[in-house]
Amino acid sequence: MKMLPTVISNLFSKPATRNYPFFVRDNFEKTRGELVNDIERCIFCGSCSRKCPSQCLTVSKEGTVGTWKLEFFACIGCGVCVDSCPVSCLSQKTSHRPVAVVRDVITLTGKLPEKPAKKTEKAPAQ
């Protein structure tokens, strides 16, 4: 008998939860979601991989090609890599990645930036 008022009020009120697949809530304004790299601007310095607390990023250079890898199952979405990037080629979307059932690694390759010409000392004018 003690629960009867609660049961009756629950029968005539809206449900407390959302029917998820059919009603998806919008993300908040400053949600830190999917990590995106603009590989054309990346200089492959490796500061993102050194600063990443979950160690989900690896950066390697071989000859004139650089490789940037992200294990998105290990990424916690903290944004430390985005803050530490010196050329701001990393960013985060306000939406999360779609659900995946296969563990995958995102691999991006790009051309290493050309090194500036070495400065040579000028001979003193006579």
Protein backbone atom coordinates (compact mmCIF):
# COMPACT_ATOMS: atom_id res chain seq x y z
CA MET A 1 0.00 0.00 0.00
CA LYS A 2 2.87 2.37 0.60
CA MET A 3 3.97 2.17 -3.05
CA LEU A 4 0.51 2.65 -4.60
CA PRO A 5 0.77 6.47 -4.95
CA THR A 6 4.19 6.14 -6.58
CA VAL A 7 2.98 3.51 -9.03
CA ILE A 8 -0.04 5.60 -10.02
CA SER A 9 2.03 8.76 -10.50
CA ASN A 10 4.51 6.86 -12.68
CA LEU A 11 1.71 5.50 -14.86
CA PHE A 12 0.47 8.98 -15.73
CA SER A 13 3.78 10.85 -16.08
CA LYS A 14 6.38 11.03 -18.82
CA PRO A 15 9.20 8.46 -18.69
CA ALA A 16 12.42 9.58 -17.01
CA THR A 17 14.60 8.26 -19.82
CA ARG A 18 14.89 8.98 -23.53
CA ASN A 19 14.22 6.34 -26.20
CA TYR A 20 17.83 6.63 -27.45
CA PRO A 21 18.02 5.34 -30.99
CA PHE A 22 14.94 7.35 -31.94
CA PHE A 23 15.51 10.49 -29.87
CA VAL A 24 19.13 11.63 -29.80
CA ARG A 25 20.03 14.59 -27.61
CA ASP A 26 22.12 17.36 -29.19
CA ASN A 27 25.70 17.70 -27.98
CA PHE A 28 26.63 20.50 -25.64
CA GLU A 29 28.36 23.58 -27.04
CA LYS A 30 31.93 22.78 -25.95
CA THR A 31 31.83 18.99 -26.20
CA ARG A 32 35.23 17.44 -26.91
CA GLY A 33 34.54 14.75 -29.46
CA GLU A 34 36.33 13.14 -32.38
CA LEU A 35 39.98 14.06 -32.93
CA VAL A 36 40.78 15.39 -36.42
CA ASN A 37 44.20 16.05 -37.95
CA ASP A 38 44.71 18.36 -40.93
CA ILE A 39 47.59 16.28 -42.28
CA GLU A 40 48.56 18.92 -44.87
CA ARG A 41 49.53 21.36 -42.09
CA CYS A 42 51.15 18.75 -39.80
CA ILE A 43 54.93 19.04 -39.39
CA PHE A 44 55.23 15.64 -37.65
CA CYS A 45 57.05 17.10 -34.66
CA GLY A 46 55.63 14.48 -32.27
CA SER A 47 54.64 16.87 -29.50
CA CYS A 48 51.09 15.49 -29.55
CA SER A 49 52.30 11.93 -29.00
CA ARG A 50 54.65 12.97 -26.19
CA LYS A 51 51.92 14.92 -24.35
CA CYS A 52 49.10 12.37 -24.80
CA PRO A 53 48.23 10.86 -21.39
CA SER A 54 46.68 7.71 -22.91
CA GLN A 55 49.52 7.24 -25.42
CA CYS A 56 47.10 6.65 -28.28
CA LEU A 57 49.10 8.73 -30.80
CA THR A 58 52.29 7.76 -32.61
CA VAL A 59 54.21 9.96 -35.00
CA SER A 60 57.08 8.75 -37.18
CA LYS A 61 59.24 10.20 -39.92
CA GLU A 62 60.85 8.14 -42.66
CA GLY A 63 62.67 9.98 -45.42
CA THR A 64 60.27 12.56 -46.87
CA VAL A 65 57.09 10.91 -45.55
CA GLY A 66 55.56 11.29 -42.11
CA THR A 67 53.03 8.95 -40.52
CA TRP A 68 50.49 9.89 -37.84
CA LYS A 69 48.53 7.10 -36.16
CA LEU A 70 45.58 7.30 -33.77
CA GLU A 71 44.13 4.38 -31.83
CA PHE A 72 40.69 5.85 -31.22
CA PHE A 73 39.67 3.09 -28.80
CA ALA A 74 42.45 4.29 -26.48
CA CYS A 75 41.76 8.02 -26.94
CA ILE A 76 40.04 9.57 -23.92
CA GLY A 77 39.22 12.84 -25.68
CA CYS A 78 41.01 15.08 -23.20
CA GLY A 79 42.33 17.56 -25.80
CA VAL A 80 45.89 17.79 -24.45
CA CYS A 81 47.26 16.94 -27.90
CA VAL A 82 45.20 19.73 -29.47
CA ASP A 83 46.57 22.26 -26.98
CA SER A 84 50.19 21.13 -27.47
CA CYS A 85 50.23 21.23 -31.29
CA PRO A 86 52.53 24.10 -32.39
CA VAL A 87 50.92 24.54 -35.83
CA SER A 88 47.30 23.94 -34.72
CA CYS A 89 46.68 21.12 -37.18
CA LEU A 90 44.78 19.08 -34.55
CA SER A 91 41.20 19.88 -33.63
CA GLN A 92 38.23 18.19 -32.03
CA LYS A 93 34.72 18.01 -33.40
CA THR A 94 31.73 18.55 -31.15
CA SER A 95 30.40 15.11 -32.08
CA HIS A 96 31.73 11.69 -31.16
CA ARG A 97 32.77 8.92 -33.51
CA PRO A 98 30.04 6.47 -34.49
CA VAL A 99 29.91 3.21 -32.59
CA ALA A 100 32.40 0.64 -33.89
CA VAL A 101 32.71 -3.06 -33.19
CA VAL A 102 36.14 -3.53 -34.75
CA ARG A 103 39.27 -2.14 -33.14
CA ASP A 104 40.92 0.01 -35.79
CA VAL A 105 43.83 2.42 -36.10
CA ILE A 106 43.51 5.61 -38.11
CA THR A 107 46.70 6.11 -40.14
CA LEU A 108 47.41 9.34 -41.99
CA THR A 109 50.49 9.93 -44.11
CA GLY A 110 51.79 13.22 -45.36
CA LYS A 111 54.77 14.88 -46.86
CA LEU A 112 57.31 16.32 -44.45
CA PRO A 113 57.78 20.08 -44.76
CA GLU A 114 60.90 21.21 -46.52
CA LYS A 115 63.65 22.46 -44.28
CA PRO A 116 64.64 26.08 -44.79
CA ALA A 117 67.98 26.69 -46.43
CA LYS A 118 70.89 27.00 -44.05
CA LYS A 119 72.12 30.47 -43.41
CA THR A 120 75.66 31.05 -44.47
CA GLU A 121 77.82 33.67 -42.92
CA LYS A 122 78.63 36.50 -45.26
CA ALA A 123 82.23 37.38 -45.77
CA PRO A 124 83.05 40.80 -44.36
CA ALA A 125 83.00 43.50 -47.02
CA GLN A 126 86.43 44.90 -47.82
